[in-house]
N, C-alpha and C. Protein backbone atom coordinates (compact mmCIF):
# COMPACT_ATOMS: atom_id res chain seq x y z
N MET A 1 12.03 -15.41 37.42
CA MET A 1 12.80 -14.28 37.18
C MET A 1 12.92 -14.06 35.59
N VAL A 2 13.10 -15.22 34.87
CA VAL A 2 13.17 -15.13 33.51
C VAL A 2 11.81 -14.58 32.88
N GLU A 3 10.74 -15.10 33.44
CA GLU A 3 9.43 -14.58 32.89
C GLU A 3 9.26 -13.10 33.26
N MET A 4 9.62 -12.53 34.22
CA MET A 4 9.54 -11.16 34.58
C MET A 4 10.25 -10.44 33.58
N ASP A 5 11.49 -10.83 33.33
CA ASP A 5 12.35 -10.06 32.36
C ASP A 5 11.78 -10.12 30.95
N GLN A 6 11.14 -11.30 30.53
CA GLN A 6 10.48 -11.32 29.36
C GLN A 6 9.31 -10.42 29.27
N MET A 7 8.53 -10.24 30.41
CA MET A 7 7.42 -9.30 30.34
C MET A 7 7.80 -7.96 30.31
N LYS A 8 8.99 -7.61 30.79
CA LYS A 8 9.49 -6.25 30.69
C LYS A 8 9.94 -5.96 29.39
N GLN A 9 10.50 -6.96 28.60
CA GLN A 9 11.04 -6.64 27.30
C GLN A 9 9.93 -6.70 26.23
N ALA A 10 8.82 -7.47 26.45
CA ALA A 10 7.86 -7.54 25.45
C ALA A 10 7.06 -6.26 25.29
N PRO A 11 6.88 -5.74 24.02
CA PRO A 11 6.10 -4.56 23.84
C PRO A 11 4.65 -4.81 24.07
N HIS A 12 4.06 -3.81 24.81
CA HIS A 12 2.62 -3.92 25.12
C HIS A 12 1.95 -3.64 23.79
N PRO A 13 0.72 -4.45 23.57
CA PRO A 13 0.03 -4.22 22.30
C PRO A 13 -0.43 -2.83 22.16
N VAL A 14 -0.78 -2.16 23.22
CA VAL A 14 -1.18 -0.76 23.08
C VAL A 14 -0.16 0.08 22.61
N GLY A 15 1.17 -0.25 23.06
CA GLY A 15 2.33 0.50 22.73
C GLY A 15 2.58 0.34 21.19
N LEU A 16 2.21 -0.80 20.64
CA LEU A 16 2.53 -0.97 19.24
C LEU A 16 1.78 0.09 18.37
N LEU A 17 0.51 0.26 18.70
CA LEU A 17 -0.28 1.22 17.95
C LEU A 17 0.21 2.73 18.32
N GLN A 18 0.50 2.91 19.58
CA GLN A 18 0.95 4.23 20.06
C GLN A 18 2.18 4.58 19.17
N ALA A 19 3.13 3.58 18.97
CA ALA A 19 4.37 3.86 18.28
C ALA A 19 4.06 4.16 16.77
N THR A 20 2.99 3.45 16.31
CA THR A 20 2.53 3.75 14.94
C THR A 20 1.98 5.20 14.74
N SER A 21 1.13 5.66 15.79
CA SER A 21 0.61 6.88 15.74
C SER A 21 1.71 7.96 15.92
N GLU A 22 2.60 7.70 16.79
CA GLU A 22 3.78 8.70 17.10
C GLU A 22 4.54 8.78 15.84
N ASN A 23 4.80 7.59 15.19
CA ASN A 23 5.71 7.62 13.89
C ASN A 23 4.86 8.48 12.71
N ASN A 24 3.63 8.31 12.74
CA ASN A 24 2.80 9.10 11.86
C ASN A 24 2.99 10.59 12.04
N ARG A 25 2.90 11.04 13.31
CA ARG A 25 2.96 12.51 13.66
C ARG A 25 4.50 12.92 13.35
N GLU A 26 5.39 12.09 13.58
CA GLU A 26 6.71 12.44 13.29
C GLU A 26 7.03 12.52 11.76
N ASN A 27 6.32 11.66 10.97
CA ASN A 27 6.50 11.66 9.59
C ASN A 27 5.94 13.00 9.18
N GLN A 28 4.70 13.45 9.64
CA GLN A 28 4.13 14.68 9.20
C GLN A 28 5.02 15.81 9.50
N MET A 29 5.69 15.79 10.64
CA MET A 29 6.52 16.86 10.98
C MET A 29 7.84 16.95 10.17
N ASN A 30 8.18 15.80 9.59
CA ASN A 30 9.32 15.70 8.82
C ASN A 30 9.00 15.92 7.20
N MET A 31 7.83 16.35 6.93
CA MET A 31 7.45 16.37 5.53
C MET A 31 8.34 17.30 4.72
N LEU A 32 8.72 18.45 5.42
CA LEU A 32 9.70 19.31 4.69
C LEU A 32 10.99 18.67 4.27
N PHE A 33 11.41 17.69 4.90
CA PHE A 33 12.68 16.93 4.70
C PHE A 33 12.50 15.64 3.84
N ASP A 34 11.27 15.05 4.00
CA ASP A 34 10.94 13.69 3.28
C ASP A 34 9.70 13.81 2.64
N THR A 35 9.75 14.64 1.53
CA THR A 35 8.42 14.92 0.81
C THR A 35 8.26 13.85 -0.23
N ALA A 36 6.99 13.48 -0.68
CA ALA A 36 6.64 12.55 -1.76
C ALA A 36 7.23 13.10 -2.94
N PRO A 37 7.61 12.27 -3.90
CA PRO A 37 8.15 12.76 -5.23
C PRO A 37 7.00 13.40 -6.03
N ASP A 38 7.31 14.33 -6.93
CA ASP A 38 6.40 15.06 -7.63
C ASP A 38 5.98 14.13 -8.84
N PHE A 39 4.81 14.59 -9.52
CA PHE A 39 4.30 13.71 -10.59
C PHE A 39 5.12 13.88 -11.87
N ASP A 40 6.04 14.72 -11.79
CA ASP A 40 7.02 14.89 -12.91
C ASP A 40 7.99 13.73 -12.86
N GLN A 41 7.92 12.92 -11.79
CA GLN A 41 8.70 11.77 -11.61
C GLN A 41 7.67 10.65 -11.27
N PRO A 42 6.95 10.15 -12.31
CA PRO A 42 5.84 9.24 -12.04
C PRO A 42 6.14 7.94 -11.49
N VAL A 43 7.26 7.41 -11.92
CA VAL A 43 7.73 6.08 -11.60
C VAL A 43 8.09 6.16 -10.03
N ASP A 44 8.78 7.24 -9.76
CA ASP A 44 9.07 7.38 -8.19
C ASP A 44 7.85 7.51 -7.37
N VAL A 45 6.72 8.17 -8.00
CA VAL A 45 5.49 8.25 -7.27
C VAL A 45 4.96 6.91 -7.09
N LEU A 46 4.95 6.00 -8.06
CA LEU A 46 4.46 4.67 -8.08
C LEU A 46 5.19 3.90 -6.84
N LYS A 47 6.48 4.03 -6.90
CA LYS A 47 7.26 3.33 -5.84
C LYS A 47 7.04 3.89 -4.45
N HIS A 48 6.78 5.14 -4.42
CA HIS A 48 6.40 5.76 -3.06
C HIS A 48 5.14 5.31 -2.59
N CYS A 49 4.12 5.02 -3.57
CA CYS A 49 2.92 4.41 -3.15
C CYS A 49 2.99 2.94 -2.60
N HIS A 50 4.00 2.30 -3.11
CA HIS A 50 4.27 0.98 -2.51
C HIS A 50 4.74 1.04 -1.10
N GLY A 51 5.44 2.15 -0.77
CA GLY A 51 5.99 2.35 0.64
C GLY A 51 4.82 2.57 1.51
N ARG A 52 3.88 3.37 1.08
CA ARG A 52 2.67 3.63 1.76
C ARG A 52 1.78 2.38 2.02
N ILE A 53 1.70 1.60 0.92
CA ILE A 53 0.95 0.34 1.05
C ILE A 53 1.62 -0.56 2.27
N ARG A 54 2.93 -0.54 2.23
CA ARG A 54 3.61 -1.51 3.32
C ARG A 54 3.39 -0.91 4.54
N LYS A 55 3.29 0.34 4.74
CA LYS A 55 3.03 0.85 6.11
C LYS A 55 1.51 0.44 6.53
N GLN A 56 0.61 0.51 5.58
CA GLN A 56 -0.79 0.10 5.97
C GLN A 56 -0.93 -1.31 6.29
N LEU A 57 -0.29 -2.09 5.45
CA LEU A 57 -0.25 -3.54 5.71
C LEU A 57 0.51 -3.83 7.15
N SER A 58 1.44 -3.19 7.51
CA SER A 58 2.07 -3.31 8.79
C SER A 58 1.13 -2.98 9.86
N THR A 59 0.31 -1.94 9.66
CA THR A 59 -0.68 -1.52 10.65
C THR A 59 -1.68 -2.50 10.88
N MET A 60 -2.15 -3.18 9.85
CA MET A 60 -3.11 -4.22 10.04
C MET A 60 -2.57 -5.42 10.72
N GLN A 61 -1.24 -5.69 10.49
CA GLN A 61 -0.66 -6.83 11.32
C GLN A 61 -0.45 -6.48 12.73
N LYS A 62 -0.26 -5.19 13.18
CA LYS A 62 -0.18 -4.72 14.51
C LYS A 62 -1.60 -4.83 15.15
N LEU A 63 -2.57 -4.52 14.39
CA LEU A 63 -4.11 -4.69 14.84
C LEU A 63 -4.28 -5.99 15.26
N LEU A 64 -3.65 -7.05 14.61
CA LEU A 64 -3.95 -8.38 14.91
C LEU A 64 -3.46 -8.79 16.40
N VAL A 65 -2.28 -8.08 16.72
CA VAL A 65 -1.79 -8.26 18.05
C VAL A 65 -2.52 -7.41 19.10
N HIS A 66 -2.85 -6.22 18.67
CA HIS A 66 -3.48 -5.18 19.62
C HIS A 66 -4.90 -5.63 20.09
N LEU A 67 -5.79 -5.86 19.26
CA LEU A 67 -7.16 -6.20 19.49
C LEU A 67 -7.40 -7.27 20.50
N PRO A 68 -6.84 -8.44 20.37
CA PRO A 68 -7.07 -9.61 21.36
C PRO A 68 -6.64 -9.19 22.71
N ALA A 69 -5.49 -8.41 22.83
CA ALA A 69 -4.87 -8.10 24.05
C ALA A 69 -5.41 -6.80 24.74
N ALA A 70 -5.72 -5.79 23.97
CA ALA A 70 -6.06 -4.45 24.49
C ALA A 70 -7.56 -4.15 24.26
N GLY A 71 -8.17 -4.85 23.24
CA GLY A 71 -9.51 -4.59 23.00
C GLY A 71 -9.61 -3.42 21.96
N LEU A 72 -10.94 -2.94 22.02
CA LEU A 72 -11.28 -1.93 20.96
C LEU A 72 -10.89 -0.47 21.54
N THR A 73 -9.66 -0.13 21.41
CA THR A 73 -9.24 1.08 22.05
C THR A 73 -9.44 2.26 20.83
N ALA A 74 -9.34 3.53 21.34
CA ALA A 74 -9.37 4.64 20.37
C ALA A 74 -8.28 4.50 19.36
N GLN A 75 -7.06 3.97 19.84
CA GLN A 75 -5.94 3.82 18.85
C GLN A 75 -6.22 2.77 17.87
N ALA A 76 -6.94 1.68 18.20
CA ALA A 76 -7.37 0.77 17.15
C ALA A 76 -8.28 1.26 16.15
N GLN A 77 -9.25 1.95 16.67
CA GLN A 77 -10.30 2.69 15.68
C GLN A 77 -9.52 3.72 14.80
N GLN A 78 -8.54 4.42 15.35
CA GLN A 78 -7.86 5.39 14.39
C GLN A 78 -6.96 4.63 13.37
N ALA A 79 -6.39 3.50 13.84
CA ALA A 79 -5.53 2.67 12.96
C ALA A 79 -6.48 2.05 11.82
N ALA A 80 -7.51 1.51 12.16
CA ALA A 80 -8.46 0.89 11.20
C ALA A 80 -8.94 1.96 10.24
N SER A 81 -9.29 3.16 10.67
CA SER A 81 -9.69 4.19 9.74
C SER A 81 -8.67 4.59 8.84
N ALA A 82 -7.41 4.66 9.22
CA ALA A 82 -6.32 5.05 8.28
C ALA A 82 -6.14 3.94 7.19
N VAL A 83 -6.28 2.65 7.63
CA VAL A 83 -6.19 1.71 6.60
C VAL A 83 -7.29 1.72 5.68
N LEU A 84 -8.48 1.89 6.07
CA LEU A 84 -9.68 2.05 5.28
C LEU A 84 -9.50 3.23 4.17
N ARG A 85 -9.11 4.40 4.73
CA ARG A 85 -8.84 5.54 3.95
C ARG A 85 -7.94 5.13 2.74
N TYR A 86 -6.83 4.50 3.09
CA TYR A 86 -5.82 4.16 2.04
C TYR A 86 -6.38 3.23 1.03
N PHE A 87 -6.87 2.11 1.48
CA PHE A 87 -7.20 1.05 0.47
C PHE A 87 -8.63 1.38 -0.20
N ASP A 88 -9.56 2.24 0.41
CA ASP A 88 -10.74 2.64 -0.17
C ASP A 88 -10.50 3.71 -1.31
N ASN A 89 -9.43 4.58 -1.13
CA ASN A 89 -9.23 5.70 -1.88
C ASN A 89 -7.99 5.67 -2.81
N ALA A 90 -6.75 5.59 -2.08
CA ALA A 90 -5.53 5.76 -2.71
C ALA A 90 -5.21 4.46 -3.58
N ALA A 91 -5.46 3.28 -3.06
CA ALA A 91 -5.10 2.05 -3.67
C ALA A 91 -5.74 1.95 -5.10
N PRO A 92 -7.15 2.31 -5.19
CA PRO A 92 -7.74 2.08 -6.45
C PRO A 92 -7.10 3.15 -7.56
N HIS A 93 -6.56 4.34 -7.07
CA HIS A 93 -5.98 5.12 -7.93
C HIS A 93 -4.63 4.56 -8.39
N HIS A 94 -3.97 3.82 -7.52
CA HIS A 94 -2.66 3.21 -7.88
C HIS A 94 -2.81 2.12 -8.93
N HIS A 95 -3.83 1.32 -8.65
CA HIS A 95 -4.12 0.31 -9.60
C HIS A 95 -4.58 0.70 -10.99
N ALA A 96 -5.31 1.98 -11.01
CA ALA A 96 -5.76 2.54 -12.28
C ALA A 96 -4.47 3.20 -12.98
N ASP A 97 -3.67 3.66 -12.15
CA ASP A 97 -2.38 4.33 -12.81
C ASP A 97 -1.71 3.26 -13.64
N GLU A 98 -1.54 2.03 -13.06
CA GLU A 98 -0.85 0.96 -13.76
C GLU A 98 -1.61 0.39 -14.97
N GLU A 99 -2.97 0.10 -14.65
CA GLU A 99 -3.68 -0.55 -15.68
C GLU A 99 -4.09 0.36 -16.97
N GLN A 100 -4.42 1.60 -16.66
CA GLN A 100 -4.82 2.46 -17.68
C GLN A 100 -3.73 3.24 -18.42
N ASP A 101 -2.61 3.37 -17.70
CA ASP A 101 -1.63 4.31 -18.22
C ASP A 101 -0.18 3.59 -18.38
N LEU A 102 0.29 3.12 -17.25
CA LEU A 102 1.66 2.57 -17.12
C LEU A 102 1.80 1.44 -18.07
N LEU A 103 0.92 0.40 -17.94
CA LEU A 103 1.08 -0.85 -18.78
C LEU A 103 0.72 -0.64 -20.17
N PRO A 104 -0.32 0.19 -20.59
CA PRO A 104 -0.50 0.42 -21.99
C PRO A 104 0.62 1.07 -22.70
N MET A 105 1.25 2.15 -21.89
CA MET A 105 2.31 2.87 -22.48
C MET A 105 3.57 2.05 -22.60
N LEU A 106 3.72 1.03 -21.72
CA LEU A 106 4.94 0.07 -21.82
C LEU A 106 4.67 -0.75 -23.12
N ARG A 107 3.43 -1.28 -23.22
CA ARG A 107 3.15 -2.03 -24.38
C ARG A 107 3.34 -1.35 -25.66
N ALA A 108 3.13 -0.07 -25.79
CA ALA A 108 3.33 0.65 -27.07
C ALA A 108 4.84 0.99 -27.22
N THR A 109 5.63 0.72 -26.25
CA THR A 109 7.09 1.09 -26.27
C THR A 109 8.07 -0.05 -26.35
N ALA A 110 7.64 -1.10 -25.55
CA ALA A 110 8.57 -2.30 -25.44
C ALA A 110 8.72 -3.10 -26.77
N ALA A 111 9.77 -3.78 -26.98
CA ALA A 111 10.03 -4.55 -28.15
C ALA A 111 10.84 -5.84 -27.69
N GLY A 112 10.84 -6.79 -28.53
CA GLY A 112 11.66 -7.99 -28.37
C GLY A 112 11.53 -8.66 -27.07
N ASP A 113 12.55 -8.90 -26.34
CA ASP A 113 12.52 -9.63 -25.02
C ASP A 113 11.71 -8.73 -24.01
N ASP A 114 11.96 -7.45 -24.14
CA ASP A 114 11.16 -6.62 -23.14
C ASP A 114 9.54 -6.84 -23.20
N LEU A 115 9.06 -6.89 -24.52
CA LEU A 115 7.69 -7.09 -24.75
C LEU A 115 7.23 -8.41 -24.37
N ALA A 116 8.15 -9.48 -24.57
CA ALA A 116 7.71 -10.78 -24.09
C ALA A 116 7.55 -10.88 -22.63
N VAL A 117 8.53 -10.29 -21.94
CA VAL A 117 8.41 -10.22 -20.46
C VAL A 117 7.24 -9.48 -19.98
N LEU A 118 6.98 -8.31 -20.64
CA LEU A 118 5.93 -7.46 -20.24
C LEU A 118 4.64 -8.16 -20.38
N ASN A 119 4.35 -8.88 -21.47
CA ASN A 119 3.10 -9.49 -21.71
C ASN A 119 2.85 -10.55 -20.74
N GLN A 120 3.91 -11.30 -20.37
CA GLN A 120 3.70 -12.33 -19.28
C GLN A 120 3.32 -11.71 -17.91
N VAL A 121 4.20 -10.82 -17.55
CA VAL A 121 4.08 -10.20 -16.23
C VAL A 121 2.79 -9.32 -16.08
N ALA A 122 2.43 -8.55 -17.12
CA ALA A 122 1.23 -7.60 -17.08
C ALA A 122 0.00 -8.49 -16.90
N ALA A 123 -0.08 -9.65 -17.47
CA ALA A 123 -1.29 -10.44 -17.33
C ALA A 123 -1.36 -10.97 -15.83
N GLN A 124 -0.29 -11.34 -15.25
CA GLN A 124 -0.33 -11.71 -13.83
C GLN A 124 -0.68 -10.47 -13.00
N ILE A 125 -0.20 -9.38 -13.28
CA ILE A 125 -0.52 -8.15 -12.49
C ILE A 125 -1.93 -7.76 -12.48
N LEU A 126 -2.60 -7.81 -13.66
CA LEU A 126 -4.01 -7.55 -13.74
C LEU A 126 -4.80 -8.52 -13.01
N ASP A 127 -4.42 -9.95 -13.01
CA ASP A 127 -5.09 -10.79 -12.38
C ASP A 127 -4.90 -10.66 -10.84
N GLU A 128 -3.82 -10.31 -10.46
CA GLU A 128 -3.54 -10.11 -8.99
C GLU A 128 -4.28 -8.84 -8.52
N HIS A 129 -4.44 -7.79 -9.28
CA HIS A 129 -5.32 -6.74 -8.89
C HIS A 129 -6.72 -7.16 -8.57
N ARG A 130 -7.27 -7.99 -9.46
CA ARG A 130 -8.54 -8.45 -9.21
C ARG A 130 -8.70 -9.26 -7.93
N GLN A 131 -7.63 -10.13 -7.73
CA GLN A 131 -7.67 -11.02 -6.41
C GLN A 131 -7.55 -10.11 -5.20
N MET A 132 -6.74 -9.06 -5.29
CA MET A 132 -6.51 -8.19 -4.08
C MET A 132 -7.85 -7.33 -3.82
N GLU A 133 -8.47 -6.92 -4.90
CA GLU A 133 -9.68 -6.11 -4.62
C GLU A 133 -10.76 -7.12 -4.14
N ALA A 134 -10.78 -8.30 -4.46
CA ALA A 134 -11.80 -9.27 -3.93
C ALA A 134 -11.43 -9.57 -2.48
N ALA A 135 -10.09 -9.65 -2.11
CA ALA A 135 -9.75 -9.96 -0.82
C ALA A 135 -10.08 -8.76 0.11
N TRP A 136 -9.98 -7.52 -0.39
CA TRP A 136 -10.21 -6.34 0.37
C TRP A 136 -11.80 -6.30 0.64
N LEU A 137 -12.64 -6.79 -0.11
CA LEU A 137 -14.08 -6.81 0.03
C LEU A 137 -14.38 -7.62 1.46
N SER A 138 -13.52 -8.54 1.77
CA SER A 138 -13.68 -9.29 2.97
C SER A 138 -13.07 -8.59 4.13
N LEU A 139 -11.94 -7.90 3.91
CA LEU A 139 -11.25 -7.19 5.06
C LEU A 139 -12.01 -5.98 5.41
N ALA A 140 -12.49 -5.23 4.42
CA ALA A 140 -13.04 -3.79 4.66
C ALA A 140 -14.14 -3.76 5.72
N PRO A 141 -15.11 -4.71 5.62
CA PRO A 141 -16.18 -4.74 6.61
C PRO A 141 -15.73 -4.94 8.01
N GLN A 142 -14.69 -5.77 8.30
CA GLN A 142 -14.15 -5.98 9.51
C GLN A 142 -13.53 -4.71 10.04
N LEU A 143 -12.89 -4.01 9.28
CA LEU A 143 -12.11 -2.81 9.64
C LEU A 143 -13.12 -1.64 9.94
N ARG A 144 -14.19 -1.70 9.17
CA ARG A 144 -15.20 -0.62 9.33
C ARG A 144 -15.88 -0.79 10.83
N LYS A 145 -16.09 -1.98 11.10
CA LYS A 145 -16.76 -2.17 12.53
C LYS A 145 -15.70 -1.78 13.53
N ILE A 146 -14.47 -2.02 13.35
CA ILE A 146 -13.43 -1.59 14.28
C ILE A 146 -13.39 -0.08 14.35
N ALA A 147 -13.35 0.56 13.20
CA ALA A 147 -13.26 2.05 13.15
C ALA A 147 -14.44 2.65 13.76
N ALA A 148 -15.55 2.02 13.72
CA ALA A 148 -16.78 2.54 14.28
C ALA A 148 -17.04 2.17 15.69
N GLY A 149 -16.14 1.44 16.29
CA GLY A 149 -16.26 0.97 17.69
C GLY A 149 -17.38 0.01 17.84
N GLU A 150 -17.66 -0.80 16.84
CA GLU A 150 -18.70 -1.86 16.96
C GLU A 150 -18.22 -3.27 17.24
N ALA A 151 -16.93 -3.60 16.85
CA ALA A 151 -16.39 -4.81 17.03
C ALA A 151 -14.90 -4.75 17.15
N ALA A 152 -14.37 -5.78 17.60
CA ALA A 152 -12.87 -6.01 17.90
C ALA A 152 -12.29 -7.15 17.23
N GLU A 153 -12.95 -7.54 16.12
CA GLU A 153 -12.66 -8.82 15.50
C GLU A 153 -12.05 -8.53 14.12
N LEU A 154 -10.84 -9.22 13.79
CA LEU A 154 -10.14 -9.09 12.72
C LEU A 154 -9.49 -10.40 12.34
N SER A 155 -9.81 -11.01 11.10
CA SER A 155 -9.54 -12.31 10.80
C SER A 155 -7.91 -12.34 10.56
N VAL A 156 -7.21 -13.21 11.24
CA VAL A 156 -5.94 -13.39 10.85
C VAL A 156 -5.61 -14.03 9.46
N GLU A 157 -6.44 -14.94 9.17
CA GLU A 157 -6.40 -15.54 7.85
C GLU A 157 -6.51 -14.50 6.80
N HIS A 158 -7.52 -13.52 6.80
CA HIS A 158 -7.72 -12.59 5.76
C HIS A 158 -6.65 -11.53 5.72
N VAL A 159 -5.98 -11.21 6.82
CA VAL A 159 -5.07 -10.17 6.94
C VAL A 159 -3.71 -10.64 6.37
N GLN A 160 -3.35 -11.94 6.84
CA GLN A 160 -2.13 -12.47 6.49
C GLN A 160 -2.19 -12.83 4.86
N GLY A 161 -3.38 -13.30 4.38
CA GLY A 161 -3.54 -13.50 3.00
C GLY A 161 -3.30 -12.26 2.16
N PHE A 162 -3.88 -11.15 2.65
CA PHE A 162 -3.78 -9.89 1.98
C PHE A 162 -2.42 -9.45 1.98
N VAL A 163 -1.74 -9.43 3.06
CA VAL A 163 -0.43 -8.95 3.20
C VAL A 163 0.46 -9.72 2.31
N GLU A 164 0.35 -11.12 2.32
CA GLU A 164 1.38 -11.82 1.40
C GLU A 164 1.11 -11.72 0.02
N MET A 165 -0.18 -11.40 -0.40
CA MET A 165 -0.49 -11.16 -1.80
C MET A 165 0.04 -9.92 -2.26
N TYR A 166 -0.22 -8.97 -1.50
CA TYR A 166 0.38 -7.57 -1.85
C TYR A 166 1.92 -7.57 -1.86
N ALA A 167 2.52 -8.15 -0.90
CA ALA A 167 4.02 -8.17 -0.96
C ALA A 167 4.58 -8.76 -2.11
N ALA A 168 4.03 -9.98 -2.45
CA ALA A 168 4.59 -10.63 -3.66
C ALA A 168 4.29 -9.80 -4.94
N HIS A 169 3.12 -9.19 -4.94
CA HIS A 169 2.69 -8.42 -6.14
C HIS A 169 3.71 -7.17 -6.29
N MET A 170 3.88 -6.55 -5.19
CA MET A 170 4.78 -5.23 -5.23
C MET A 170 6.21 -5.67 -5.66
N GLU A 171 6.66 -6.72 -5.15
CA GLU A 171 8.05 -7.32 -5.50
C GLU A 171 8.14 -7.55 -6.99
N LYS A 172 7.05 -8.11 -7.56
CA LYS A 172 7.13 -8.38 -9.02
C LYS A 172 7.11 -7.13 -9.77
N GLU A 173 6.35 -6.10 -9.39
CA GLU A 173 6.35 -4.85 -10.14
C GLU A 173 7.68 -4.18 -9.99
N GLU A 174 8.19 -4.22 -8.81
CA GLU A 174 9.50 -3.55 -8.54
C GLU A 174 10.69 -4.21 -9.23
N SER A 175 10.55 -5.48 -9.57
CA SER A 175 11.55 -6.24 -10.30
C SER A 175 11.47 -6.12 -11.81
N PHE A 176 10.25 -5.97 -12.32
CA PHE A 176 10.02 -6.01 -13.89
C PHE A 176 9.52 -4.70 -14.38
N ILE A 177 8.45 -4.20 -13.78
CA ILE A 177 7.73 -3.27 -14.43
C ILE A 177 8.23 -1.83 -14.19
N THR A 178 8.44 -1.40 -13.06
CA THR A 178 9.07 -0.04 -12.79
C THR A 178 10.46 0.10 -13.43
N PRO A 179 11.35 -0.82 -13.26
CA PRO A 179 12.60 -0.70 -13.78
C PRO A 179 12.59 -0.49 -15.41
N MET A 180 11.54 -1.34 -16.06
CA MET A 180 11.46 -1.29 -17.55
C MET A 180 10.97 0.15 -17.85
N ALA A 181 10.01 0.57 -17.14
CA ALA A 181 9.49 2.03 -17.39
C ALA A 181 10.72 3.07 -17.24
N GLN A 182 11.53 3.01 -16.27
CA GLN A 182 12.57 3.98 -16.07
C GLN A 182 13.59 3.83 -17.35
N ARG A 183 13.84 2.70 -17.74
CA ARG A 183 14.71 2.38 -18.80
C ARG A 183 14.23 2.80 -20.19
N LEU A 184 12.98 2.54 -20.39
CA LEU A 184 12.40 2.75 -21.84
C LEU A 184 11.86 4.06 -22.02
N PHE A 185 11.15 4.71 -21.00
CA PHE A 185 10.41 5.84 -21.33
C PHE A 185 11.32 7.22 -21.46
N ASN A 186 10.95 7.90 -22.48
CA ASN A 186 11.65 9.26 -22.60
C ASN A 186 10.98 10.30 -21.74
N GLN A 187 11.56 11.54 -21.66
CA GLN A 187 10.99 12.59 -20.82
C GLN A 187 9.55 12.82 -21.23
N GLU A 188 9.21 12.91 -22.48
CA GLU A 188 7.88 13.16 -22.87
C GLU A 188 6.85 12.14 -22.37
N GLN A 189 7.25 10.82 -22.43
CA GLN A 189 6.44 9.78 -21.90
C GLN A 189 6.24 9.91 -20.37
N MET A 190 7.32 10.25 -19.60
CA MET A 190 7.17 10.45 -18.27
C MET A 190 6.26 11.50 -17.93
N LEU A 191 6.30 12.72 -18.62
CA LEU A 191 5.34 13.69 -18.41
C LEU A 191 3.91 13.40 -18.75
N GLN A 192 3.82 12.60 -19.76
CA GLN A 192 2.40 12.04 -20.12
C GLN A 192 1.87 11.20 -19.01
N LEU A 193 2.72 10.39 -18.49
CA LEU A 193 2.24 9.46 -17.38
C LEU A 193 2.00 10.18 -16.14
N GLY A 194 2.86 11.14 -15.84
CA GLY A 194 2.65 11.84 -14.58
C GLY A 194 1.41 12.82 -14.64
N ASN A 195 1.21 13.39 -15.83
CA ASN A 195 0.05 14.16 -16.00
C ASN A 195 -1.37 13.23 -15.79
N ALA A 196 -1.36 12.05 -16.42
CA ALA A 196 -2.44 11.17 -16.18
C ALA A 196 -2.77 10.81 -14.86
N MET A 197 -1.66 10.70 -14.08
CA MET A 197 -1.86 10.26 -12.70
C MET A 197 -2.40 11.52 -11.80
N ARG A 198 -1.83 12.66 -12.25
CA ARG A 198 -2.26 13.87 -11.55
C ARG A 198 -3.74 14.20 -11.80
N VAL A 199 -4.20 14.04 -12.97
CA VAL A 199 -5.55 14.33 -13.38
C VAL A 199 -6.53 13.29 -12.60
N ARG A 200 -5.99 12.07 -12.51
CA ARG A 200 -6.80 11.05 -11.86
C ARG A 200 -7.21 11.43 -10.45
N ARG A 201 -6.28 12.11 -9.79
CA ARG A 201 -6.36 12.48 -8.36
C ARG A 201 -6.99 13.93 -8.24
N GLY A 202 -7.29 14.48 -9.41
CA GLY A 202 -7.95 15.81 -9.33
C GLY A 202 -6.89 16.94 -8.82
N ILE A 203 -5.63 16.74 -9.18
CA ILE A 203 -4.63 17.66 -8.86
C ILE A 203 -4.23 18.55 -10.07
N HIS A 204 -4.23 19.78 -10.00
CA HIS A 204 -3.89 20.65 -11.12
C HIS A 204 -2.38 20.96 -11.13
N ALA A 205 -1.77 21.01 -12.33
CA ALA A 205 -0.35 21.21 -12.36
C ALA A 205 0.05 22.71 -11.93
């Protein structure tokens, strides 16, 4: 009897991805009420990107449950495609925002204790970007095969390592870098950063 109750309560792996798909549709419907920040608020855009990254990391973790139990379903293919789109396209822009604009602007502005902290943390962030990009090169081919309907294999070790790496990295940025930018940048600098981010994405003001 206990086993039957547990089976009823346990979410079916197909349902995990269905819930993700339904949540995505609901999020699209709610765009008028929950829109992404504008590039006039560039630090908020960077934090919003972190939210999107966390959603994609969660999708990969759900795929680890879904694939062994349900196999290569259409929902698994769609989920893998969504993860690929983000980390192939949006994530490199996000890293470039930080490396080419945010961190250099902070170095030009920070002084004293702020500069000492920045120099230490910025070196770690750049190194972690390279590590995450290398880790993605191992994950991406697996996800491409899933998206193409060619294979239903996804490495637990690769996914968990990638998730843990990104989670620690984002926490570091949210603890040191984005608060420092919000505190030190004036309005002109915020506009400069936002314009650079907008141009990088081919968006016209």
